[in-house]
Amino acid sequence: MSSASLSLSRDDRPILIAALFILVILVAGTVYTFARFGSAPLLSPTYLLQQLQIGAFLGIVSAGMMMVILIAQIDLSVPWTLAAAAMMATSVGGPLAIPVGLGVGLLVGLINGIGVAYLRVPSMIFTLGVNAVMRGLMVAHTGGYAPQTAATDLMRMLAGDRTLGIPNALFVWAAVSVLVAIMLQRTALGRYVYAIGNKEAAAYLAGVDTRRITVVCFVLCGVAAALAGVLLAGYSTKAYQGMGDAYLLPSIAAVVIGGTNILGGRGRYLGTLIGVVLIVLLNSVLSIMDMPEAGRQVIYGLVIIFMLLVYGRGERVTS
């Protein structure tokens, strides 16, 4: 009983800390905005819903990123997978727009999975190379200019419209969240993912098809990035060059802040959700403070480094 309680508290501690930081950000941001502008937009339900609508794209990317981090891998092809899916969806248009966009993510994820699982190339190197390839293909596709295409009505409805006052993008994010949470907690795939993250060799000896599971995780990450790209194009009404660049570091930061071990094998999806909310609110406060994008990237990087140090120390103490 006591060991189970200790294990639970260890898994929940990062989530509780992240939730506490959310409260700190809300209080600090409210005090700052009230002192500067005489109002407190962070406490407005309308403003919070708008920020969460924008955060839904990051949340979907983070859900996919969590899948590969749980198996002790990383996917650096997310930026141009997202952009390529958006560009191809708007280029095709019509009823095939969304299926084509998701198909791009599936194909990129499949290539990444095969490269990592079967060719045994380190994921950091292979996915970075795939990202460069996707960037080159899209530059060739558009001629280096902004695509002269527009999002379909369905894409705009899913990303920009509201139902009962709630942005539709939040419903899509909620559906993705439910699927990922059930998959990780209630299915054999989830058990295999955690097993591979803890020790791939041991999982293989136990009969787990580690290569197939690795491919599945990269495919899910690619499809999640593509879905976010399709929605982002709908929200912006068009696709544009480099639209996915702003989602790589924040998605990794959200997963790590939520308590998922960057070395794999441990983490809860609830933590990733809270991590996304924290990043969204932090980004909102930094925007109000006129923090440049370079400064935000520095902050995300420092957060990741700090959490890596915490996990590294925790692992040494445990061992």
C-alpha atoms as a PDB file:
ATOM      1  CA  MET A   1       0.000   0.000   0.000  1.00  0.00           C
ATOM      2  CA  SER A   2       2.724   2.460   0.946  1.00  0.00           C
ATOM      3  CA  SER A   3       4.817   1.759  -2.157  1.00  0.00           C
ATOM      4  CA  ALA A   4       1.781   2.310  -4.374  1.00  0.00           C
ATOM      5  CA  SER A   5       1.103   5.609  -2.616  1.00  0.00           C
ATOM      6  CA  LEU A   6       4.701   6.694  -3.127  1.00  0.00           C
ATOM      7  CA  SER A   7       4.520   5.770  -6.821  1.00  0.00           C
ATOM      8  CA  LEU A   8       1.292   7.724  -7.221  1.00  0.00           C
ATOM      9  CA  SER A   9       2.693  10.792  -5.516  1.00  0.00           C
ATOM     10  CA  ARG A  10       5.800  10.661  -7.692  1.00  0.00           C
ATOM     11  CA  ASP A  11       3.681  10.610 -10.856  1.00  0.00           C
ATOM     12  CA  ASP A  12       1.302  13.288  -9.622  1.00  0.00           C
ATOM     13  CA  ARG A  13       3.895  15.711  -8.251  1.00  0.00           C
ATOM     14  CA  PRO A  14       4.789  17.319 -11.628  1.00  0.00           C
ATOM     15  CA  ILE A  15       1.076  17.721 -12.411  1.00  0.00           C
ATOM     16  CA  LEU A  16       0.430  19.460  -9.103  1.00  0.00           C
ATOM     17  CA  ILE A  17       3.457  21.723  -9.593  1.00  0.00           C
ATOM     18  CA  ALA A  18       2.300  22.643 -13.118  1.00  0.00           C
ATOM     19  CA  ALA A  19      -1.195  23.392 -11.804  1.00  0.00           C
ATOM     20  CA  LEU A  20       0.321  25.617  -9.133  1.00  0.00           C
ATOM     21  CA  PHE A  21       2.318  27.483 -11.783  1.00  0.00           C
ATOM     22  CA  ILE A  22      -0.910  28.073 -13.713  1.00  0.00           C
ATOM     23  CA  LEU A  23      -2.345  29.804 -10.661  1.00  0.00           C
ATOM     24  CA  VAL A  24       0.849  31.833 -10.265  1.00  0.00           C
ATOM     25  CA  ILE A  25       0.720  32.913 -13.918  1.00  0.00           C
ATOM     26  CA  LEU A  26      -2.945  33.897 -13.623  1.00  0.00           C
ATOM     27  CA  VAL A  27      -2.308  35.951 -10.492  1.00  0.00           C
ATOM     28  CA  ALA A  28       0.887  37.584 -11.796  1.00  0.00           C
ATOM     29  CA  GLY A  29      -0.658  38.293 -15.206  1.00  0.00           C
ATOM     30  CA  THR A  30      -3.790  39.746 -13.630  1.00  0.00           C
ATOM     31  CA  VAL A  31      -1.789  42.020 -11.343  1.00  0.00           C
ATOM     32  CA  TYR A  32       0.383  43.184 -14.255  1.00  0.00           C
ATOM     33  CA  THR A  33      -2.485  43.881 -16.660  1.00  0.00           C
ATOM     34  CA  PHE A  34      -4.534  45.626 -13.993  1.00  0.00           C
ATOM     35  CA  ALA A  35      -1.580  47.825 -13.009  1.00  0.00           C
ATOM     36  CA  ARG A  36      -0.776  48.676 -16.650  1.00  0.00           C
ATOM     37  CA  PHE A  37      -4.181  48.809 -18.329  1.00  0.00           C
ATOM     38  CA  GLY A  38      -6.649  49.051 -15.449  1.00  0.00           C
ATOM     39  CA  SER A  39      -8.354  45.786 -16.442  1.00  0.00           C
ATOM     40  CA  ALA A  40      -7.865  42.032 -15.965  1.00  0.00           C
ATOM     41  CA  PRO A  41      -8.532  40.244 -19.283  1.00  0.00           C
ATOM     42  CA  LEU A  42      -6.976  36.981 -18.045  1.00  0.00           C
ATOM     43  CA  LEU A  43     -10.009  36.479 -15.785  1.00  0.00           C
ATOM     44  CA  SER A  44     -12.503  37.055 -18.597  1.00  0.00           C
ATOM     45  CA  PRO A  45     -14.204  33.804 -19.790  1.00  0.00           C
ATOM     46  CA  THR A  46     -14.326  35.196 -23.331  1.00  0.00           C
ATOM     47  CA  TYR A  47     -10.590  35.878 -23.331  1.00  0.00           C
ATOM     48  CA  LEU A  48      -9.765  32.502 -21.771  1.00  0.00           C
ATOM     49  CA  LEU A  49     -11.872  30.662 -24.367  1.00  0.00           C
ATOM     50  CA  GLN A  50     -10.124  32.554 -27.140  1.00  0.00           C
ATOM     51  CA  GLN A  51      -6.712  31.595 -25.734  1.00  0.00           C
ATOM     52  CA  LEU A  52      -7.751  27.959 -25.336  1.00  0.00           C
ATOM     53  CA  GLN A  53      -9.033  27.963 -28.923  1.00  0.00           C
ATOM     54  CA  ILE A  54      -5.559  28.982 -30.074  1.00  0.00           C
ATOM     55  CA  GLY A  55      -4.051  26.505 -27.612  1.00  0.00           C
ATOM     56  CA  ALA A  56      -6.076  23.641 -29.094  1.00  0.00           C
ATOM     57  CA  PHE A  57      -3.627  23.420 -32.013  1.00  0.00           C
ATOM     58  CA  LEU A  58      -0.706  23.105 -29.588  1.00  0.00           C
ATOM     59  CA  GLY A  59      -2.667  20.594 -27.527  1.00  0.00           C
ATOM     60  CA  ILE A  60      -3.206  18.307 -30.509  1.00  0.00           C
ATOM     61  CA  VAL A  61       0.479  18.506 -31.507  1.00  0.00           C
ATOM     62  CA  SER A  62       1.495  17.804 -27.906  1.00  0.00           C
ATOM     63  CA  ALA A  63      -0.728  14.713 -27.770  1.00  0.00           C
ATOM     64  CA  GLY A  64       1.188  13.214 -30.675  1.00  0.00           C
ATOM     65  CA  MET A  65       4.546  14.336 -29.314  1.00  0.00           C
ATOM     66  CA  MET A  66       3.795  12.603 -26.019  1.00  0.00           C
ATOM     67  CA  MET A  67       3.388   9.283 -27.813  1.00  0.00           C
ATOM     68  CA  VAL A  68       6.940   9.329 -29.175  1.00  0.00           C
ATOM     69  CA  ILE A  69       8.470  10.760 -25.999  1.00  0.00           C
ATOM     70  CA  LEU A  70       6.895   7.925 -23.986  1.00  0.00           C
ATOM     71  CA  ILE A  71       8.901   5.423 -26.049  1.00  0.00           C
ATOM     72  CA  ALA A  72      12.082   7.459 -25.445  1.00  0.00           C
ATOM     73  CA  GLN A  73      12.120   8.996 -28.945  1.00  0.00           C
ATOM     74  CA  ILE A  74      11.588  12.475 -30.381  1.00  0.00           C
ATOM     75  CA  ASP A  75       9.981  13.830 -33.555  1.00  0.00           C
ATOM     76  CA  LEU A  76      11.631  16.962 -34.941  1.00  0.00           C
ATOM     77  CA  SER A  77       9.716  16.758 -38.229  1.00  0.00           C
ATOM     78  CA  VAL A  78       6.552  18.182 -36.628  1.00  0.00           C
ATOM     79  CA  PRO A  79       6.989  21.773 -37.941  1.00  0.00           C
ATOM     80  CA  TRP A  80       6.964  20.955 -41.624  1.00  0.00           C
ATOM     81  CA  THR A  81       4.640  17.977 -41.265  1.00  0.00           C
ATOM     82  CA  LEU A  82       2.122  20.473 -39.911  1.00  0.00           C
ATOM     83  CA  ALA A  83       2.859  23.013 -42.649  1.00  0.00           C
ATOM     84  CA  ALA A  84       2.855  20.430 -45.452  1.00  0.00           C
ATOM     85  CA  ALA A  85      -0.483  18.990 -44.333  1.00  0.00           C
ATOM     86  CA  ALA A  86      -2.006  22.472 -44.283  1.00  0.00           C
ATOM     87  CA  MET A  87      -0.575  23.397 -47.684  1.00  0.00           C
ATOM     88  CA  MET A  88      -1.687  20.182 -49.360  1.00  0.00           C
ATOM     89  CA  ALA A  89      -5.154  20.355 -47.802  1.00  0.00           C
ATOM     90  CA  THR A  90      -5.735  23.896 -49.045  1.00  0.00           C
ATOM     91  CA  SER A  91      -4.238  23.041 -52.451  1.00  0.00           C
ATOM     92  CA  VAL A  92      -6.560  20.077 -53.004  1.00  0.00           C
ATOM     93  CA  GLY A  93      -9.632  21.746 -51.545  1.00  0.00           C
ATOM     94  CA  GLY A  94     -13.122  20.288 -51.566  1.00  0.00           C
ATOM     95  CA  PRO A  95     -14.163  17.178 -49.616  1.00  0.00           C
ATOM     96  CA  LEU A  96     -10.704  15.619 -50.039  1.00  0.00           C
ATOM     97  CA  ALA A  97      -8.894  18.476 -48.309  1.00  0.00           C
ATOM     98  CA  ILE A  98      -8.886  17.076 -44.768  1.00  0.00           C
ATOM     99  CA  PRO A  99      -8.224  13.429 -45.781  1.00  0.00           C
ATOM    100  CA  VAL A 100      -5.286  14.548 -47.937  1.00  0.00           C
ATOM    101  CA  GLY A 101      -3.883  16.657 -45.103  1.00  0.00           C
ATOM    102  CA  LEU A 102      -4.146  13.783 -42.634  1.00  0.00           C
ATOM    103  CA  GLY A 103      -2.670  11.456 -45.246  1.00  0.00           C
ATOM    104  CA  VAL A 104       0.437  13.640 -45.407  1.00  0.00           C
ATOM    105  CA  GLY A 105       0.883  13.252 -41.657  1.00  0.00           C
ATOM    106  CA  LEU A 106       0.329   9.500 -41.841  1.00  0.00           C
ATOM    107  CA  LEU A 107       2.919   9.137 -44.603  1.00  0.00           C
ATOM    108  CA  VAL A 108       5.525  11.238 -42.796  1.00  0.00           C
ATOM    109  CA  GLY A 109       4.894   9.338 -39.560  1.00  0.00           C
ATOM    110  CA  LEU A 110       5.260   6.024 -41.372  1.00  0.00           C
ATOM    111  CA  ILE A 111       8.570   7.096 -42.900  1.00  0.00           C
ATOM    112  CA  ASN A 112       9.821   8.303 -39.519  1.00  0.00           C
ATOM    113  CA  GLY A 113       8.749   5.080 -37.827  1.00  0.00           C
ATOM    114  CA  ILE A 114      10.429   2.869 -40.408  1.00  0.00           C
ATOM    115  CA  GLY A 115      13.622   4.919 -40.258  1.00  0.00           C
ATOM    116  CA  VAL A 116      13.806   4.740 -36.467  1.00  0.00           C
ATOM    117  CA  ALA A 117      12.429   1.237 -35.853  1.00  0.00           C
ATOM    118  CA  TYR A 118      13.814  -0.735 -38.782  1.00  0.00           C
ATOM    119  CA  LEU A 119      16.788   1.264 -40.060  1.00  0.00           C
ATOM    120  CA  ARG A 120      17.794   2.016 -36.440  1.00  0.00           C
ATOM    121  CA  VAL A 121      18.686   5.636 -37.149  1.00  0.00           C
ATOM    122  CA  PRO A 122      18.477   7.847 -34.021  1.00  0.00           C
ATOM    123  CA  SER A 123      15.114   9.597 -34.053  1.00  0.00           C
ATOM    124  CA  MET A 124      16.618  13.034 -33.482  1.00  0.00           C
ATOM    125  CA  ILE A 125      18.736  12.728 -36.632  1.00  0.00           C
ATOM    126  CA  PHE A 126      16.217  10.949 -38.852  1.00  0.00           C
ATOM    127  CA  THR A 127      13.226  13.184 -38.084  1.00  0.00           C
ATOM    128  CA  LEU A 128      15.330  16.316 -38.444  1.00  0.00           C
ATOM    129  CA  GLY A 129      16.334  15.099 -41.901  1.00  0.00           C
ATOM    130  CA  VAL A 130      12.709  14.354 -42.786  1.00  0.00           C
ATOM    131  CA  ASN A 131      11.764  17.855 -41.635  1.00  0.00           C
ATOM    132  CA  ALA A 132      14.339  19.315 -44.016  1.00  0.00           C
ATOM    133  CA  VAL A 133      13.042  17.146 -46.861  1.00  0.00           C
ATOM    134  CA  MET A 134       9.457  18.244 -46.217  1.00  0.00           C
ATOM    135  CA  ARG A 135      10.535  21.861 -46.158  1.00  0.00           C
ATOM    136  CA  GLY A 136      12.292  21.462 -49.509  1.00  0.00           C
ATOM    137  CA  LEU A 137       9.291  19.729 -51.054  1.00  0.00           C
ATOM    138  CA  MET A 138       6.912  22.462 -49.925  1.00  0.00           C
ATOM    139  CA  VAL A 139       9.218  25.231 -51.156  1.00  0.00           C
ATOM    140  CA  ALA A 140       9.333  23.462 -54.513  1.00  0.00           C
ATOM    141  CA  HIS A 141       5.549  23.018 -54.442  1.00  0.00           C
ATOM    142  CA  THR A 142       4.882  26.706 -53.801  1.00  0.00           C
ATOM    143  CA  GLY A 143       7.846  28.104 -55.702  1.00  0.00           C
ATOM    144  CA  GLY A 144       9.068  29.713 -52.495  1.00  0.00           C
ATOM    145  CA  TYR A 145       6.068  32.027 -52.263  1.00  0.00           C
ATOM    146  CA  ALA A 146       3.037  32.046 -49.996  1.00  0.00           C
ATOM    147  CA  PRO A 147       0.466  29.538 -51.321  1.00  0.00           C
ATOM    148  CA  GLN A 148      -2.368  31.223 -53.199  1.00  0.00           C
ATOM    149  CA  THR A 149      -4.947  28.843 -51.765  1.00  0.00           C
ATOM    150  CA  ALA A 150      -7.668  29.089 -49.137  1.00  0.00           C
ATOM    151  CA  ALA A 151      -9.059  26.782 -46.457  1.00  0.00           C
ATOM    152  CA  THR A 152     -12.316  24.973 -47.137  1.00  0.00           C
ATOM    153  CA  ASP A 153     -15.569  25.825 -45.373  1.00  0.00           C
ATOM    154  CA  LEU A 154     -15.307  22.653 -43.268  1.00  0.00           C
ATOM    155  CA  MET A 155     -11.776  23.532 -42.141  1.00  0.00           C
ATOM    156  CA  ARG A 156     -12.885  27.029 -41.174  1.00  0.00           C
ATOM    157  CA  MET A 157     -15.924  25.646 -39.355  1.00  0.00           C
ATOM    158  CA  LEU A 158     -13.891  23.150 -37.305  1.00  0.00           C
ATOM    159  CA  ALA A 159     -11.229  25.679 -36.343  1.00  0.00           C
ATOM    160  CA  GLY A 160     -12.956  29.042 -36.212  1.00  0.00           C
ATOM    161  CA  ASP A 161     -16.683  28.617 -35.554  1.00  0.00           C
ATOM    162  CA  ARG A 162     -18.399  28.056 -32.213  1.00  0.00           C
ATOM    163  CA  THR A 163     -21.095  25.718 -30.943  1.00  0.00           C
ATOM    164  CA  LEU A 164     -23.075  26.835 -27.891  1.00  0.00           C
ATOM    165  CA  GLY A 165     -20.496  29.556 -27.400  1.00  0.00           C
ATOM    166  CA  ILE A 166     -17.586  27.119 -27.257  1.00  0.00           C
ATOM    167  CA  PRO A 167     -14.979  27.076 -30.073  1.00  0.00           C
ATOM    168  CA  ASN A 168     -15.253  23.952 -32.229  1.00  0.00           C
ATOM    169  CA  ALA A 169     -11.466  23.560 -32.052  1.00  0.00           C
ATOM    170  CA  LEU A 170     -11.864  22.757 -28.353  1.00  0.00           C
ATOM    171  CA  PHE A 171     -14.259  19.922 -29.197  1.00  0.00           C
ATOM    172  CA  VAL A 172     -11.719  18.486 -31.638  1.00  0.00           C
ATOM    173  CA  TRP A 173      -8.976  18.778 -29.006  1.00  0.00           C
ATOM    174  CA  ALA A 174     -11.258  17.121 -26.444  1.00  0.00           C
ATOM    175  CA  ALA A 175     -11.960  14.225 -28.825  1.00  0.00           C
ATOM    176  CA  VAL A 176      -8.235  13.722 -29.449  1.00  0.00           C
ATOM    177  CA  SER A 177      -7.580  13.896 -25.695  1.00  0.00           C
ATOM    178  CA  VAL A 178     -10.184  11.243 -24.907  1.00  0.00           C
ATOM    179  CA  LEU A 179      -8.801   8.923 -27.573  1.00  0.00           C
ATOM    180  CA  VAL A 180      -5.197   9.306 -26.385  1.00  0.00           C
ATOM    181  CA  ALA A 181      -6.115   8.911 -22.704  1.00  0.00           C
ATOM    182  CA  ILE A 182      -8.133   5.742 -23.365  1.00  0.00           C
ATOM    183  CA  MET A 183      -5.419   4.344 -25.615  1.00  0.00           C
ATOM    184  CA  LEU A 184      -2.696   4.878 -23.000  1.00  0.00           C
ATOM    185  CA  GLN A 185      -4.670   3.663 -19.983  1.00  0.00           C
ATOM    186  CA  ARG A 186      -7.085   1.054 -21.320  1.00  0.00           C
ATOM    187  CA  THR A 187      -5.466  -0.715 -24.284  1.00  0.00           C
ATOM    188  CA  ALA A 188      -2.629  -3.137 -24.906  1.00  0.00           C
ATOM    189  CA  LEU A 189      -0.963  -0.515 -27.107  1.00  0.00           C
ATOM    190  CA  GLY A 190      -0.684   1.798 -24.114  1.00  0.00           C
ATOM    191  CA  ARG A 191       0.906  -0.912 -21.977  1.00  0.00           C
ATOM    192  CA  TYR A 192       3.389  -1.680 -24.741  1.00  0.00           C
ATOM    193  CA  VAL A 193       4.253   2.011 -25.121  1.00  0.00           C
ATOM    194  CA  TYR A 194       5.145   2.332 -21.435  1.00  0.00           C
ATOM    195  CA  ALA A 195       7.036  -0.964 -21.534  1.00  0.00           C
ATOM    196  CA  ILE A 196       9.169   0.138 -24.478  1.00  0.00           C
ATOM    197  CA  GLY A 197       9.869   3.466 -22.829  1.00  0.00           C
ATOM    198  CA  ASN A 198      11.029   1.791 -19.634  1.00  0.00           C
ATOM    199  CA  LYS A 199      13.271  -0.754 -21.344  1.00  0.00           C
ATOM    200  CA  GLU A 200      12.941  -1.602 -25.018  1.00  0.00           C
ATOM    201  CA  ALA A 201      15.115  -4.722 -24.800  1.00  0.00           C
ATOM    202  CA  ALA A 202      13.071  -6.107 -21.906  1.00  0.00           C
ATOM    203  CA  ALA A 203       9.824  -5.386 -23.744  1.00  0.00           C
ATOM    204  CA  TYR A 204      11.158  -7.196 -26.808  1.00  0.00           C
ATOM    205  CA  LEU A 205      12.159 -10.231 -24.743  1.00  0.00           C
ATOM    206  CA  ALA A 206       8.681 -10.213 -23.210  1.00  0.00           C
ATOM    207  CA  GLY A 207       7.179 -10.658 -26.671  1.00  0.00           C
ATOM    208  CA  VAL A 208       6.294  -7.073 -27.571  1.00  0.00           C
ATOM    209  CA  ASP A 209       6.711  -6.195 -31.248  1.00  0.00           C
ATOM    210  CA  THR A 210       8.743  -3.102 -30.399  1.00  0.00           C
ATOM    211  CA  ARG A 211       9.336  -2.103 -34.017  1.00  0.00           C
ATOM    212  CA  ARG A 212       5.654  -2.128 -34.905  1.00  0.00           C
ATOM    213  CA  ILE A 213       4.718  -0.147 -31.782  1.00  0.00           C
ATOM    214  CA  THR A 214       7.431   2.407 -32.568  1.00  0.00           C
ATOM    215  CA  VAL A 215       6.040   2.857 -36.073  1.00  0.00           C
ATOM    216  CA  VAL A 216       2.508   3.249 -34.687  1.00  0.00           C
ATOM    217  CA  CYS A 217       3.658   5.968 -32.260  1.00  0.00           C
ATOM    218  CA  PHE A 218       5.375   7.962 -35.007  1.00  0.00           C
ATOM    219  CA  VAL A 219       2.324   7.596 -37.252  1.00  0.00           C
ATOM    220  CA  LEU A 220       0.094   8.926 -34.465  1.00  0.00           C
ATOM    221  CA  CYS A 221       2.469  11.845 -33.952  1.00  0.00           C
ATOM    222  CA  GLY A 222       2.471  12.619 -37.674  1.00  0.00           C
ATOM    223  CA  VAL A 223      -1.325  12.451 -37.929  1.00  0.00           C
ATOM    224  CA  ALA A 224      -1.699  14.687 -34.861  1.00  0.00           C
ATOM    225  CA  ALA A 225       0.644  17.281 -36.375  1.00  0.00           C
ATOM    226  CA  ALA A 226      -1.265  17.092 -39.669  1.00  0.00           C
ATOM    227  CA  LEU A 227      -4.615  17.535 -37.921  1.00  0.00           C
ATOM    228  CA  ALA A 228      -3.259  20.583 -36.107  1.00  0.00           C
ATOM    229  CA  GLY A 229      -2.029  21.945 -39.446  1.00  0.00           C
ATOM    230  CA  VAL A 230      -5.411  21.468 -41.108  1.00  0.00           C
ATOM    231  CA  LEU A 231      -7.150  23.206 -38.204  1.00  0.00           C
ATOM    232  CA  LEU A 232      -4.607  26.022 -38.081  1.00  0.00           C
ATOM    233  CA  ALA A 233      -5.095  26.623 -41.796  1.00  0.00           C
ATOM    234  CA  GLY A 234      -8.849  26.766 -41.164  1.00  0.00           C
ATOM    235  CA  TYR A 235      -8.354  29.232 -38.323  1.00  0.00           C
ATOM    236  CA  SER A 236      -6.034  31.409 -40.442  1.00  0.00           C
ATOM    237  CA  THR A 237      -8.191  30.791 -43.556  1.00  0.00           C
ATOM    238  CA  LYS A 238      -5.031  29.788 -45.451  1.00  0.00           C
ATOM    239  CA  ALA A 239      -1.716  27.944 -45.192  1.00  0.00           C
ATOM    240  CA  TYR A 240       1.623  29.729 -45.110  1.00  0.00           C
ATOM    241  CA  GLN A 241       5.342  29.018 -45.060  1.00  0.00           C
ATOM    242  CA  GLY A 242       6.788  28.054 -41.686  1.00  0.00           C
ATOM    243  CA  MET A 243       3.424  27.921 -39.929  1.00  0.00           C
ATOM    244  CA  GLY A 244       4.561  24.934 -37.861  1.00  0.00           C
ATOM    245  CA  ASP A 245       7.860  26.365 -36.622  1.00  0.00           C
ATOM    246  CA  ALA A 246       6.279  27.859 -33.499  1.00  0.00           C
ATOM    247  CA  TYR A 247       4.934  24.485 -32.310  1.00  0.00           C
ATOM    248  CA  LEU A 248       8.028  22.302 -31.901  1.00  0.00           C
ATOM    249  CA  LEU A 249       9.582  23.599 -28.679  1.00  0.00           C
ATOM    250  CA  PRO A 250       6.263  24.463 -26.996  1.00  0.00           C
ATOM    251  CA  SER A 251       4.885  20.970 -27.664  1.00  0.00           C
ATOM    252  CA  ILE A 252       7.962  19.330 -26.147  1.00  0.00           C
ATOM    253  CA  ALA A 253       7.855  21.775 -23.239  1.00  0.00           C
ATOM    254  CA  ALA A 254       4.165  21.049 -22.587  1.00  0.00           C
ATOM    255  CA  VAL A 255       4.787  17.300 -22.468  1.00  0.00           C
ATOM    256  CA  VAL A 256       7.814  17.613 -20.193  1.00  0.00           C
ATOM    257  CA  ILE A 257       6.199  20.200 -17.903  1.00  0.00           C
ATOM    258  CA  GLY A 258       3.262  17.819 -17.474  1.00  0.00           C
ATOM    259  CA  GLY A 259       5.527  15.203 -15.943  1.00  0.00           C
ATOM    260  CA  THR A 260       6.265  12.906 -18.872  1.00  0.00           C
ATOM    261  CA  ASN A 261       9.800  11.627 -18.497  1.00  0.00           C
ATOM    262  CA  ILE A 262      11.854  12.806 -21.475  1.00  0.00           C
ATOM    263  CA  LEU A 263      13.709   9.495 -21.192  1.00  0.00           C
ATOM    264  CA  GLY A 264      10.452   7.601 -21.757  1.00  0.00           C
ATOM    265  CA  GLY A 265       8.319   5.145 -19.841  1.00  0.00           C
ATOM    266  CA  ARG A 266       6.505   7.463 -17.438  1.00  0.00           C
ATOM    267  CA  GLY A 267       3.856  10.141 -17.772  1.00  0.00           C
ATOM    268  CA  ARG A 268       0.116  10.792 -17.701  1.00  0.00           C
ATOM    269  CA  TYR A 269      -1.888  12.510 -20.390  1.00  0.00           C
ATOM    270  CA  LEU A 270      -3.562  14.707 -17.795  1.00  0.00           C
ATOM    271  CA  GLY A 271      -0.145  16.213 -17.176  1.00  0.00           C
ATOM    272  CA  THR A 272       0.256  17.033 -20.860  1.00  0.00           C
ATOM    273  CA  LEU A 273      -3.136  18.766 -20.861  1.00  0.00           C
ATOM    274  CA  ILE A 274      -2.115  20.900 -17.893  1.00  0.00           C
ATOM    275  CA  GLY A 275       1.253  21.564 -19.516  1.00  0.00           C
ATOM    276  CA  VAL A 276      -0.492  22.879 -22.637  1.00  0.00           C
ATOM    277  CA  VAL A 277      -2.728  25.169 -20.577  1.00  0.00           C
ATOM    278  CA  LEU A 278       0.340  26.458 -18.725  1.00  0.00           C
ATOM    279  CA  ILE A 279       2.175  27.173 -21.986  1.00  0.00           C
ATOM    280  CA  VAL A 280      -0.886  28.911 -23.458  1.00  0.00           C
ATOM    281  CA  LEU A 281      -1.330  31.153 -20.430  1.00  0.00           C
ATOM    282  CA  LEU A 282       2.402  31.852 -20.217  1.00  0.00           C
ATOM    283  CA  ASN A 283       2.439  32.779 -23.908  1.00  0.00           C
ATOM    284  CA  SER A 284      -0.576  35.031 -23.364  1.00  0.00           C
ATOM    285  CA  VAL A 285       1.100  36.892 -20.499  1.00  0.00           C
ATOM    286  CA  LEU A 286       4.344  37.227 -22.472  1.00  0.00           C
ATOM    287  CA  SER A 287       2.361  38.658 -25.394  1.00  0.00           C
ATOM    288  CA  ILE A 288       0.724  41.205 -23.118  1.00  0.00           C
ATOM    289  CA  MET A 289       4.212  42.120 -21.876  1.00  0.00           C
ATOM    290  CA  ASP A 290       5.376  42.505 -25.524  1.00  0.00           C
ATOM    291  CA  MET A 291       7.943  39.735 -25.140  1.00  0.00           C
ATOM    292  CA  PRO A 292       9.494  39.024 -28.582  1.00  0.00           C
ATOM    293  CA  GLU A 293       9.327  35.540 -30.080  1.00  0.00           C
ATOM    294  CA  ALA A 294      13.051  35.031 -29.483  1.00  0.00           C
ATOM    295  CA  GLY A 295      12.530  35.598 -25.775  1.00  0.00           C
ATOM    296  CA  ARG A 296       9.679  33.102 -25.678  1.00  0.00           C
ATOM    297  CA  GLN A 297      11.822  30.435 -27.338  1.00  0.00           C
ATOM    298  CA  VAL A 298      14.558  31.072 -24.763  1.00  0.00           C
ATOM    299  CA  ILE A 299      12.025  30.583 -21.964  1.00  0.00           C
ATOM    300  CA  TYR A 300      10.719  27.332 -23.481  1.00  0.00           C
ATOM    301  CA  GLY A 301      14.281  26.045 -23.850  1.00  0.00           C
ATOM    302  CA  LEU A 302      15.149  26.930 -20.260  1.00  0.00           C
ATOM    303  CA  VAL A 303      12.027  25.155 -19.020  1.00  0.00           C
ATOM    304  CA  ILE A 304      12.970  21.982 -20.900  1.00  0.00           C
ATOM    305  CA  ILE A 305      16.560  22.104 -19.623  1.00  0.00           C
ATOM    306  CA  PHE A 306      15.347  22.645 -16.048  1.00  0.00           C
ATOM    307  CA  MET A 307      12.953  19.680 -16.218  1.00  0.00           C
ATOM    308  CA  LEU A 308      15.677  17.507 -17.753  1.00  0.00           C
ATOM    309  CA  LEU A 309      17.923  18.328 -14.812  1.00  0.00           C
ATOM    310  CA  VAL A 310      15.125  17.480 -12.389  1.00  0.00           C
ATOM    311  CA  TYR A 311      14.448  14.147 -14.080  1.00  0.00           C
ATOM    312  CA  GLY A 312      18.141  13.323 -14.333  1.00  0.00           C
ATOM    313  CA  ARG A 313      18.589  13.924 -10.625  1.00  0.00           C
ATOM    314  CA  GLY A 314      15.465  11.937  -9.825  1.00  0.00           C
ATOM    315  CA  GLU A 315      16.669   8.973 -11.856  1.00  0.00           C
ATOM    316  CA  ARG A 316      20.090   8.981 -10.135  1.00  0.00           C
ATOM    317  CA  VAL A 317      18.467   9.092  -6.692  1.00  0.00           C
ATOM    318  CA  THR A 318      16.137   6.223  -7.600  1.00  0.00           C
ATOM    319  CA  SER A 319      18.944   4.105  -8.983  1.00  0.00           C
END
